[in-house]
Amino acid sequence: MESQKFKPFCSERCRLIDLGAWANEDYAIAGEPAESGRLAEDDTDCR
């Protein structure tokens, strides 16, 4: 279906505007900032 091509957005233009807003840090997910380097330390068990 053409109407679902850009779902959940109405068009490619709206999708790109939203992507740009995230890249520009206009949006953020609420919560405490991640500790620097924490992921790298926790990831050592996966190797």
N, C-alpha and C. Protein backbone atom coordinates (compact mmCIF):
# COMPACT_ATOMS: atom_id res chain seq x y z
N MET A 1 0.82 -1.18 0.00
CA MET A 1 0.00 0.00 0.00
C MET A 1 0.87 1.25 0.00
N GLU A 2 0.55 2.16 -0.83
CA GLU A 2 1.28 3.42 -0.92
C GLU A 2 1.15 4.24 0.36
N SER A 3 0.00 4.20 1.03
CA SER A 3 -0.22 5.00 2.23
C SER A 3 0.65 4.54 3.40
N GLN A 4 1.13 3.31 3.36
CA GLN A 4 1.95 2.80 4.45
C GLN A 4 3.44 2.81 4.11
N LYS A 5 3.79 3.35 2.98
CA LYS A 5 5.18 3.34 2.53
C LYS A 5 6.11 4.04 3.52
N PHE A 6 5.67 5.11 4.14
CA PHE A 6 6.51 5.87 5.06
C PHE A 6 6.07 5.74 6.51
N LYS A 7 5.24 4.76 6.78
CA LYS A 7 4.68 4.56 8.10
C LYS A 7 5.78 4.56 9.15
N PRO A 8 5.68 5.26 10.25
CA PRO A 8 4.50 5.93 10.77
C PRO A 8 4.34 7.37 10.28
N PHE A 9 5.11 7.76 9.30
CA PHE A 9 5.05 9.13 8.78
C PHE A 9 4.15 9.19 7.56
N CYS A 10 3.68 10.40 7.25
CA CYS A 10 2.78 10.55 6.11
C CYS A 10 3.54 10.65 4.79
N SER A 11 4.84 11.01 4.86
CA SER A 11 5.61 11.16 3.63
C SER A 11 7.10 11.05 3.92
N GLU A 12 7.90 10.92 2.88
CA GLU A 12 9.35 10.91 3.00
C GLU A 12 9.85 12.21 3.62
N ARG A 13 9.25 13.32 3.24
CA ARG A 13 9.64 14.62 3.77
C ARG A 13 9.47 14.67 5.29
N CYS A 14 8.34 14.21 5.79
CA CYS A 14 8.10 14.20 7.24
C CYS A 14 9.07 13.25 7.94
N ARG A 15 9.37 12.13 7.32
CA ARG A 15 10.32 11.18 7.90
C ARG A 15 11.69 11.83 8.04
N LEU A 16 12.14 12.53 7.01
CA LEU A 16 13.44 13.19 7.03
C LEU A 16 13.49 14.35 8.02
N ILE A 17 12.40 15.07 8.15
CA ILE A 17 12.33 16.15 9.14
C ILE A 17 12.49 15.57 10.54
N ASP A 18 11.81 14.47 10.83
CA ASP A 18 11.91 13.83 12.14
C ASP A 18 13.32 13.31 12.39
N LEU A 19 13.91 12.66 11.40
CA LEU A 19 15.27 12.16 11.52
C LEU A 19 16.24 13.30 11.80
N GLY A 20 16.08 14.41 11.09
CA GLY A 20 16.93 15.57 11.30
C GLY A 20 16.79 16.15 12.69
N ALA A 21 15.58 16.15 13.23
CA ALA A 21 15.36 16.66 14.59
C ALA A 21 16.09 15.79 15.61
N TRP A 22 16.06 14.46 15.43
CA TRP A 22 16.80 13.58 16.33
C TRP A 22 18.30 13.82 16.19
N ALA A 23 18.79 13.93 14.96
CA ALA A 23 20.22 14.15 14.73
C ALA A 23 20.68 15.49 15.30
N ASN A 24 19.80 16.47 15.29
CA ASN A 24 20.10 17.81 15.80
C ASN A 24 19.92 17.88 17.32
N GLU A 25 19.53 16.75 17.93
CA GLU A 25 19.28 16.64 19.36
C GLU A 25 18.15 17.55 19.83
N ASP A 26 17.17 17.79 18.94
CA ASP A 26 15.96 18.52 19.33
C ASP A 26 15.08 17.65 20.21
N TYR A 27 15.19 16.34 20.06
CA TYR A 27 14.45 15.38 20.88
C TYR A 27 15.44 14.66 21.79
N ALA A 28 14.95 14.19 22.91
CA ALA A 28 15.78 13.40 23.82
C ALA A 28 14.88 12.46 24.60
N ILE A 29 15.42 11.35 25.01
CA ILE A 29 14.69 10.39 25.83
C ILE A 29 15.00 10.73 27.28
N ALA A 30 13.95 10.88 28.08
CA ALA A 30 14.12 11.27 29.48
C ALA A 30 14.88 10.20 30.25
N GLY A 31 15.70 10.66 31.17
CA GLY A 31 16.43 9.74 32.04
C GLY A 31 17.80 10.30 32.38
N GLU A 32 18.48 9.58 33.22
CA GLU A 32 19.83 9.98 33.61
C GLU A 32 20.79 9.74 32.45
N PRO A 33 21.75 10.63 32.27
CA PRO A 33 22.76 10.42 31.21
C PRO A 33 23.55 9.13 31.48
N ALA A 34 23.92 8.45 30.43
CA ALA A 34 24.74 7.24 30.57
C ALA A 34 26.14 7.63 31.02
N GLU A 35 26.74 6.77 31.84
CA GLU A 35 28.10 7.02 32.29
C GLU A 35 29.07 6.75 31.15
N SER A 36 30.03 7.60 30.99
CA SER A 36 31.02 7.44 29.93
C SER A 36 31.85 6.18 30.17
N GLY A 37 31.98 5.35 29.16
CA GLY A 37 32.78 4.14 29.25
C GLY A 37 32.07 2.95 29.89
N ARG A 38 30.90 3.16 30.45
CA ARG A 38 30.19 2.08 31.13
C ARG A 38 29.86 0.93 30.19
N LEU A 39 29.41 1.25 29.00
CA LEU A 39 29.04 0.22 28.04
C LEU A 39 30.24 -0.65 27.67
N ALA A 40 31.37 -0.03 27.46
CA ALA A 40 32.58 -0.77 27.09
C ALA A 40 32.97 -1.76 28.20
N GLU A 41 32.85 -1.37 29.46
CA GLU A 41 33.19 -2.25 30.58
C GLU A 41 32.20 -3.41 30.68
N ASP A 42 30.91 -3.11 30.53
CA ASP A 42 29.88 -4.14 30.63
C ASP A 42 29.91 -5.11 29.45
N ASP A 43 30.47 -4.68 28.34
CA ASP A 43 30.48 -5.46 27.10
C ASP A 43 31.59 -6.51 27.08
N THR A 44 32.51 -6.50 28.02
CA THR A 44 33.64 -7.42 27.97
C THR A 44 33.22 -8.87 28.11
N ASP A 45 32.11 -9.14 28.77
CA ASP A 45 31.64 -10.53 28.93
C ASP A 45 31.13 -11.11 27.62
N CYS A 46 30.83 -10.29 26.65
CA CYS A 46 30.25 -10.75 25.38
C CYS A 46 31.32 -11.16 24.38
N ARG A 47 32.55 -10.99 24.69
CA ARG A 47 33.64 -11.30 23.72
C ARG A 47 34.08 -12.71 23.78
